């Protein structure tokens, strides 16, 4: 098992994060989020405020989508 506390002492989070950031708006329908996740082969999407795309409202996961 990997000791997560020992990982990344020479790196910072931005070295591993995906770029560009792919988001959906809080008012987008679930089908759009599912289509993006499938097409981009990702399991989470940041959700932005519908009126201010720089404001993070939450995160939607593939697991949560599949429950609906």
PDB file of N, CA and C in Angstrom:
ATOM      1  N   UNK A   1       0.847  -1.183   0.000  1.00  0.00           N
ATOM      2  CA  UNK A   1       0.000   0.000   0.000  1.00  0.00           C
ATOM      3  C   UNK A   1       0.891   1.245   0.000  1.00  0.00           C
ATOM      4  N   UNK A   2       0.520   2.250  -0.763  1.00  0.00           N
ATOM      5  CA  UNK A   2       1.302   3.469  -0.888  1.00  0.00           C
ATOM      6  C   UNK A   2       1.015   4.417   0.265  1.00  0.00           C
ATOM      7  N   UNK A   3       2.064   4.987   0.813  1.00  0.00           N
ATOM      8  CA  UNK A   3       1.914   5.993   1.855  1.00  0.00           C
ATOM      9  C   UNK A   3       1.713   7.349   1.173  1.00  0.00           C
ATOM     10  N   UNK A   4       0.495   7.830   1.140  1.00  0.00           N
ATOM     11  CA  UNK A   4       0.188   9.072   0.429  1.00  0.00           C
ATOM     12  C   UNK A   4       0.894  10.275   1.020  1.00  0.00           C
ATOM     13  N   UNK A   5       1.173  10.261   2.290  1.00  0.00           N
ATOM     14  CA  UNK A   5       1.859  11.385   2.922  1.00  0.00           C
ATOM     15  C   UNK A   5       3.290  11.521   2.423  1.00  0.00           C
ATOM     16  N   UNK A   6       3.872  10.428   1.933  1.00  0.00           N
ATOM     17  CA  UNK A   6       5.258  10.457   1.472  1.00  0.00           C
ATOM     18  C   UNK A   6       5.378  10.807  -0.012  1.00  0.00           C
ATOM     19  N   UNK A   7       4.257  10.887  -0.706  1.00  0.00           N
ATOM     20  CA  UNK A   7       4.263  11.163  -2.145  1.00  0.00           C
ATOM     21  C   UNK A   7       4.268  12.664  -2.397  1.00  0.00           C
ATOM     22  N   UNK A   8       4.982  13.063  -3.425  1.00  0.00           N
ATOM     23  CA  UNK A   8       4.857  14.408  -3.941  1.00  0.00           C
ATOM     24  C   UNK A   8       5.607  15.497  -3.223  1.00  0.00           C
ATOM     25  N   UNK A   9       6.632  15.171  -2.483  1.00  0.00           N
ATOM     26  CA  UNK A   9       7.365  16.227  -1.787  1.00  0.00           C
ATOM     27  C   UNK A   9       8.064  17.182  -2.742  1.00  0.00           C
ATOM     28  N   UNK A  10       8.414  16.736  -3.926  1.00  0.00           N
ATOM     29  CA  UNK A  10       9.084  17.601  -4.890  1.00  0.00           C
ATOM     30  C   UNK A  10       8.107  18.154  -5.925  1.00  0.00           C
ATOM     31  N   UNK A  11       6.841  17.790  -5.812  1.00  0.00           N
ATOM     32  CA  UNK A  11       5.850  18.230  -6.790  1.00  0.00           C
ATOM     33  C   UNK A  11       4.739  18.993  -6.081  1.00  0.00           C
ATOM     34  N   UNK A  12       3.990  19.738  -6.865  1.00  0.00           N
ATOM     35  CA  UNK A  12       2.807  20.424  -6.349  1.00  0.00           C
ATOM     36  C   UNK A  12       1.588  19.943  -7.136  1.00  0.00           C
ATOM     37  N   UNK A  13       0.428  20.189  -6.625  1.00  0.00           N
ATOM     38  CA  UNK A  13      -0.821  19.692  -7.219  1.00  0.00           C
ATOM     39  C   UNK A  13      -0.939  20.095  -8.682  1.00  0.00           C
ATOM     40  N   UNK A  14      -0.586  21.306  -9.034  1.00  0.00           N
ATOM     41  CA  UNK A  14      -0.739  21.763 -10.421  1.00  0.00           C
ATOM     42  C   UNK A  14       0.117  20.972 -11.403  1.00  0.00           C
ATOM     43  N   UNK A  15       1.141  20.279 -10.915  1.00  0.00           N
ATOM     44  CA  UNK A  15       1.954  19.435 -11.786  1.00  0.00           C
ATOM     45  C   UNK A  15       1.171  18.226 -12.294  1.00  0.00           C
ATOM     46  N   UNK A  16       0.161  17.796 -11.565  1.00  0.00           N
ATOM     47  CA  UNK A  16      -0.605  16.608 -11.930  1.00  0.00           C
ATOM     48  C   UNK A  16      -2.025  16.883 -12.386  1.00  0.00           C
ATOM     49  N   UNK A  17      -2.529  18.084 -12.168  1.00  0.00           N
ATOM     50  CA  UNK A  17      -3.927  18.346 -12.510  1.00  0.00           C
ATOM     51  C   UNK A  17      -4.126  18.389 -14.019  1.00  0.00           C
ATOM     52  N   UNK A  18      -5.347  18.046 -14.430  1.00  0.00           N
ATOM     53  CA  UNK A  18      -5.692  18.067 -15.844  1.00  0.00           C
ATOM     54  C   UNK A  18      -5.951  19.500 -16.292  1.00  0.00           C
ATOM     55  N   UNK A  19      -5.470  19.810 -17.472  1.00  0.00           N
ATOM     56  CA  UNK A  19      -5.681  21.130 -18.053  1.00  0.00           C
ATOM     57  C   UNK A  19      -6.083  20.929 -19.507  1.00  0.00           C
ATOM     58  N   UNK A  20      -6.923  21.681 -20.122  1.00  0.00           N
ATOM     59  CA  UNK A  20      -7.718  22.737 -19.502  1.00  0.00           C
ATOM     60  C   UNK A  20      -8.818  22.146 -18.620  1.00  0.00           C
ATOM     61  N   UNK A  21      -9.351  22.970 -17.770  1.00  0.00           N
ATOM     62  CA  UNK A  21     -10.418  22.545 -16.877  1.00  0.00           C
ATOM     63  C   UNK A  21     -11.713  22.443 -17.680  1.00  0.00           C
ATOM     64  N   UNK A  22     -12.340  21.289 -17.598  1.00  0.00           N
ATOM     65  CA  UNK A  22     -13.616  21.054 -18.275  1.00  0.00           C
ATOM     66  C   UNK A  22     -14.701  21.151 -17.210  1.00  0.00           C
ATOM     67  N   UNK A  23     -15.703  21.985 -17.448  1.00  0.00           N
ATOM     68  CA  UNK A  23     -16.758  22.201 -16.459  1.00  0.00           C
ATOM     69  C   UNK A  23     -18.140  22.100 -17.095  1.00  0.00           C
ATOM     70  N   UNK A  24     -19.143  21.997 -16.254  1.00  0.00           N
ATOM     71  CA  UNK A  24     -20.535  22.161 -16.658  1.00  0.00           C
ATOM     72  C   UNK A  24     -21.138  23.228 -15.746  1.00  0.00           C
ATOM     73  N   UNK A  25     -22.204  23.837 -16.215  1.00  0.00           N
ATOM     74  CA  UNK A  25     -22.919  24.825 -15.404  1.00  0.00           C
ATOM     75  C   UNK A  25     -23.971  24.116 -14.551  1.00  0.00           C
ATOM     76  N   UNK A  26     -24.320  24.715 -13.451  1.00  0.00           N
ATOM     77  CA  UNK A  26     -25.307  24.119 -12.543  1.00  0.00           C
ATOM     78  C   UNK A  26     -26.682  23.966 -13.193  1.00  0.00           C
ATOM     79  N   UNK A  27     -26.934  24.684 -14.260  1.00  0.00           N
ATOM     80  CA  UNK A  27     -28.228  24.597 -14.957  1.00  0.00           C
ATOM     81  C   UNK A  27     -28.198  23.651 -16.160  1.00  0.00           C
ATOM     82  N   UNK A  28     -27.030  23.072 -16.484  1.00  0.00           N
ATOM     83  CA  UNK A  28     -26.944  22.112 -17.591  1.00  0.00           C
ATOM     84  C   UNK A  28     -27.673  20.827 -17.207  1.00  0.00           C
ATOM     85  N   UNK A  29     -28.199  20.130 -18.204  1.00  0.00           N
ATOM     86  CA  UNK A  29     -28.885  18.877 -17.883  1.00  0.00           C
ATOM     87  C   UNK A  29     -27.872  17.748 -17.681  1.00  0.00           C
ATOM     88  N   UNK A  30     -28.325  16.711 -17.012  1.00  0.00           N
ATOM     89  CA  UNK A  30     -27.449  15.592 -16.677  1.00  0.00           C
ATOM     90  C   UNK A  30     -26.915  14.879 -17.910  1.00  0.00           C
ATOM     91  N   UNK A  31     -27.675  14.875 -18.981  1.00  0.00           N
ATOM     92  CA  UNK A  31     -27.226  14.225 -20.219  1.00  0.00           C
ATOM     93  C   UNK A  31     -25.966  14.895 -20.753  1.00  0.00           C
ATOM     94  N   UNK A  32     -25.888  16.204 -20.642  1.00  0.00           N
ATOM     95  CA  UNK A  32     -24.696  16.923 -21.100  1.00  0.00           C
ATOM     96  C   UNK A  32     -23.476  16.529 -20.269  1.00  0.00           C
ATOM     97  N   UNK A  33     -23.646  16.456 -18.959  1.00  0.00           N
ATOM     98  CA  UNK A  33     -22.543  16.051 -18.087  1.00  0.00           C
ATOM     99  C   UNK A  33     -22.101  14.632 -18.419  1.00  0.00           C
ATOM    100  N   UNK A  34     -23.038  13.729 -18.626  1.00  0.00           N
ATOM    101  CA  UNK A  34     -22.719  12.340 -18.954  1.00  0.00           C
ATOM    102  C   UNK A  34     -21.984  12.252 -20.286  1.00  0.00           C
ATOM    103  N   UNK A  35     -22.425  13.030 -21.246  1.00  0.00           N
ATOM    104  CA  UNK A  35     -21.786  13.035 -22.573  1.00  0.00           C
ATOM    105  C   UNK A  35     -20.345  13.523 -22.480  1.00  0.00           C
ATOM    106  N   UNK A  36     -20.103  14.568 -21.715  1.00  0.00           N
ATOM    107  CA  UNK A  36     -18.747  15.092 -21.543  1.00  0.00           C
ATOM    108  C   UNK A  36     -17.867  14.066 -20.848  1.00  0.00           C
ATOM    109  N   UNK A  37     -18.383  13.469 -19.763  1.00  0.00           N
ATOM    110  CA  UNK A  37     -17.594  12.478 -19.027  1.00  0.00           C
ATOM    111  C   UNK A  37     -17.223  11.294 -19.901  1.00  0.00           C
ATOM    112  N   UNK A  38     -18.182  10.820 -20.690  1.00  0.00           N
ATOM    113  CA  UNK A  38     -17.929   9.689 -21.576  1.00  0.00           C
ATOM    114  C   UNK A  38     -16.933  10.064 -22.665  1.00  0.00           C
ATOM    115  N   UNK A  39     -17.156  11.194 -23.287  1.00  0.00           N
ATOM    116  CA  UNK A  39     -16.289  11.635 -24.382  1.00  0.00           C
ATOM    117  C   UNK A  39     -14.864  11.930 -23.955  1.00  0.00           C
ATOM    118  N   UNK A  40     -14.710  12.492 -22.780  1.00  0.00           N
ATOM    119  CA  UNK A  40     -13.377  12.865 -22.275  1.00  0.00           C
ATOM    120  C   UNK A  40     -12.755  11.788 -21.391  1.00  0.00           C
ATOM    121  N   UNK A  41     -13.510  10.709 -21.132  1.00  0.00           N
ATOM    122  CA  UNK A  41     -13.057   9.607 -20.280  1.00  0.00           C
ATOM    123  C   UNK A  41     -12.611  10.105 -18.906  1.00  0.00           C
ATOM    124  N   UNK A  42     -13.511  10.876 -18.292  1.00  0.00           N
ATOM    125  CA  UNK A  42     -13.274  11.398 -16.947  1.00  0.00           C
ATOM    126  C   UNK A  42     -14.424  10.982 -16.040  1.00  0.00           C
ATOM    127  N   UNK A  43     -14.185  10.957 -14.743  1.00  0.00           N
ATOM    128  CA  UNK A  43     -15.221  10.483 -13.823  1.00  0.00           C
ATOM    129  C   UNK A  43     -15.785  11.574 -12.921  1.00  0.00           C
ATOM    130  N   UNK A  44     -15.231  12.784 -13.000  1.00  0.00           N
ATOM    131  CA  UNK A  44     -15.758  13.910 -12.231  1.00  0.00           C
ATOM    132  C   UNK A  44     -15.737  15.168 -13.093  1.00  0.00           C
ATOM    133  N   UNK A  45     -16.669  16.064 -12.797  1.00  0.00           N
ATOM    134  CA  UNK A  45     -16.709  17.362 -13.468  1.00  0.00           C
ATOM    135  C   UNK A  45     -16.965  18.457 -12.444  1.00  0.00           C
ATOM    136  N   UNK A  46     -16.157  19.505 -12.465  1.00  0.00           N
ATOM    137  CA  UNK A  46     -16.489  20.661 -11.637  1.00  0.00           C
ATOM    138  C   UNK A  46     -17.761  21.316 -12.180  1.00  0.00           C
ATOM    139  N   UNK A  47     -18.593  21.788 -11.276  1.00  0.00           N
ATOM    140  CA  UNK A  47     -19.837  22.460 -11.649  1.00  0.00           C
ATOM    141  C   UNK A  47     -19.704  23.924 -11.251  1.00  0.00           C
ATOM    142  N   UNK A  48     -19.929  24.810 -12.219  1.00  0.00           N
ATOM    143  CA  UNK A  48     -19.838  26.238 -11.941  1.00  0.00           C
ATOM    144  C   UNK A  48     -21.225  26.842 -11.790  1.00  0.00           C
ATOM    145  N   UNK A  49     -21.269  27.989 -11.137  1.00  0.00           N
ATOM    146  CA  UNK A  49     -22.505  28.739 -10.971  1.00  0.00           C
ATOM    147  C   UNK A  49     -23.015  29.118 -12.347  1.00  0.00           C
ATOM    148  N   UNK A  50     -24.300  29.049 -12.560  1.00  0.00           N
ATOM    149  CA  UNK A  50     -24.875  29.329 -13.882  1.00  0.00           C
ATOM    150  C   UNK A  50     -24.688  30.779 -14.314  1.00  0.00           C
ATOM    151  N   UNK A  51     -24.515  31.690 -13.373  1.00  0.00           N
ATOM    152  CA  UNK A  51     -24.350  33.104 -13.729  1.00  0.00           C
ATOM    153  C   UNK A  51     -22.910  33.576 -13.648  1.00  0.00           C
ATOM    154  N   UNK A  52     -22.026  32.784 -13.036  1.00  0.00           N
ATOM    155  CA  UNK A  52     -20.626  33.178 -12.883  1.00  0.00           C
ATOM    156  C   UNK A  52     -19.744  31.942 -13.028  1.00  0.00           C
ATOM    157  N   UNK A  53     -19.207  31.739 -14.229  1.00  0.00           N
ATOM    158  CA  UNK A  53     -18.456  30.510 -14.494  1.00  0.00           C
ATOM    159  C   UNK A  53     -17.140  30.422 -13.737  1.00  0.00           C
ATOM    160  N   UNK A  54     -16.730  31.492 -13.080  1.00  0.00           N
ATOM    161  CA  UNK A  54     -15.503  31.434 -12.281  1.00  0.00           C
ATOM    162  C   UNK A  54     -15.792  30.992 -10.841  1.00  0.00           C
ATOM    163  N   UNK A  55     -17.075  30.825 -10.512  1.00  0.00           N
ATOM    164  CA  UNK A  55     -17.484  30.453  -9.162  1.00  0.00           C
ATOM    165  C   UNK A  55     -17.827  28.961  -9.108  1.00  0.00           C
ATOM    166  N   UNK A  56     -17.013  28.169  -8.404  1.00  0.00           N
ATOM    167  CA  UNK A  56     -17.258  26.742  -8.288  1.00  0.00           C
ATOM    168  C   UNK A  56     -18.457  26.481  -7.375  1.00  0.00           C
ATOM    169  N   UNK A  57     -19.432  25.745  -7.902  1.00  0.00           N
ATOM    170  CA  UNK A  57     -20.636  25.428  -7.126  1.00  0.00           C
ATOM    171  C   UNK A  57     -20.564  24.026  -6.525  1.00  0.00           C
ATOM    172  N   UNK A  58     -19.783  23.130  -7.138  1.00  0.00           N
ATOM    173  CA  UNK A  58     -19.679  21.767  -6.640  1.00  0.00           C
ATOM    174  C   UNK A  58     -19.001  20.866  -7.653  1.00  0.00           C
ATOM    175  N   UNK A  59     -19.153  19.560  -7.449  1.00  0.00           N
ATOM    176  CA  UNK A  59     -18.572  18.558  -8.340  1.00  0.00           C
ATOM    177  C   UNK A  59     -19.619  17.484  -8.578  1.00  0.00           C
ATOM    178  N   UNK A  60     -19.749  17.051  -9.837  1.00  0.00           N
ATOM    179  CA  UNK A  60     -20.636  15.939 -10.172  1.00  0.00           C
ATOM    180  C   UNK A  60     -19.755  14.746 -10.546  1.00  0.00           C
ATOM    181  N   UNK A  61     -20.112  13.572 -10.048  1.00  0.00           N
ATOM    182  CA  UNK A  61     -19.324  12.375 -10.329  1.00  0.00           C
ATOM    183  C   UNK A  61     -20.119  11.403 -11.192  1.00  0.00           C
ATOM    184  N   UNK A  62     -19.395  10.536 -11.878  1.00  0.00           N
ATOM    185  CA  UNK A  62     -20.038   9.515 -12.703  1.00  0.00           C
ATOM    186  C   UNK A  62     -20.900   8.601 -11.831  1.00  0.00           C
ATOM    187  N   UNK A  63     -20.429   8.289 -10.636  1.00  0.00           N
ATOM    188  CA  UNK A  63     -21.181   7.445  -9.702  1.00  0.00           C
ATOM    189  C   UNK A  63     -22.532   8.080  -9.376  1.00  0.00           C
ATOM    190  N   UNK A  64     -22.528   9.367  -9.101  1.00  0.00           N
ATOM    191  CA  UNK A  64     -23.760  10.088  -8.774  1.00  0.00           C
ATOM    192  C   UNK A  64     -24.704  10.104  -9.978  1.00  0.00           C
ATOM    193  N   UNK A  65     -24.151  10.307 -11.178  1.00  0.00           N
ATOM    194  CA  UNK A  65     -24.977  10.304 -12.392  1.00  0.00           C
ATOM    195  C   UNK A  65     -25.642   8.955 -12.595  1.00  0.00           C
ATOM    196  N   UNK A  66     -24.900   7.875 -12.375  1.00  0.00           N
ATOM    197  CA  UNK A  66     -25.427   6.540 -12.622  1.00  0.00           C
ATOM    198  C   UNK A  66     -26.548   6.168 -11.658  1.00  0.00           C
ATOM    199  N   UNK A  67     -26.605   6.839 -10.506  1.00  0.00           N
ATOM    200  CA  UNK A  67     -27.670   6.579  -9.543  1.00  0.00           C
ATOM    201  C   UNK A  67     -28.986   7.214  -9.958  1.00  0.00           C
ATOM    202  N   UNK A  68     -28.956   8.095 -10.954  1.00  0.00           N
ATOM    203  CA  UNK A  68     -30.179   8.757 -11.422  1.00  0.00           C
ATOM    204  C   UNK A  68     -30.515   8.225 -12.752  1.00  0.00           C
TER     205      UNK A  68
END
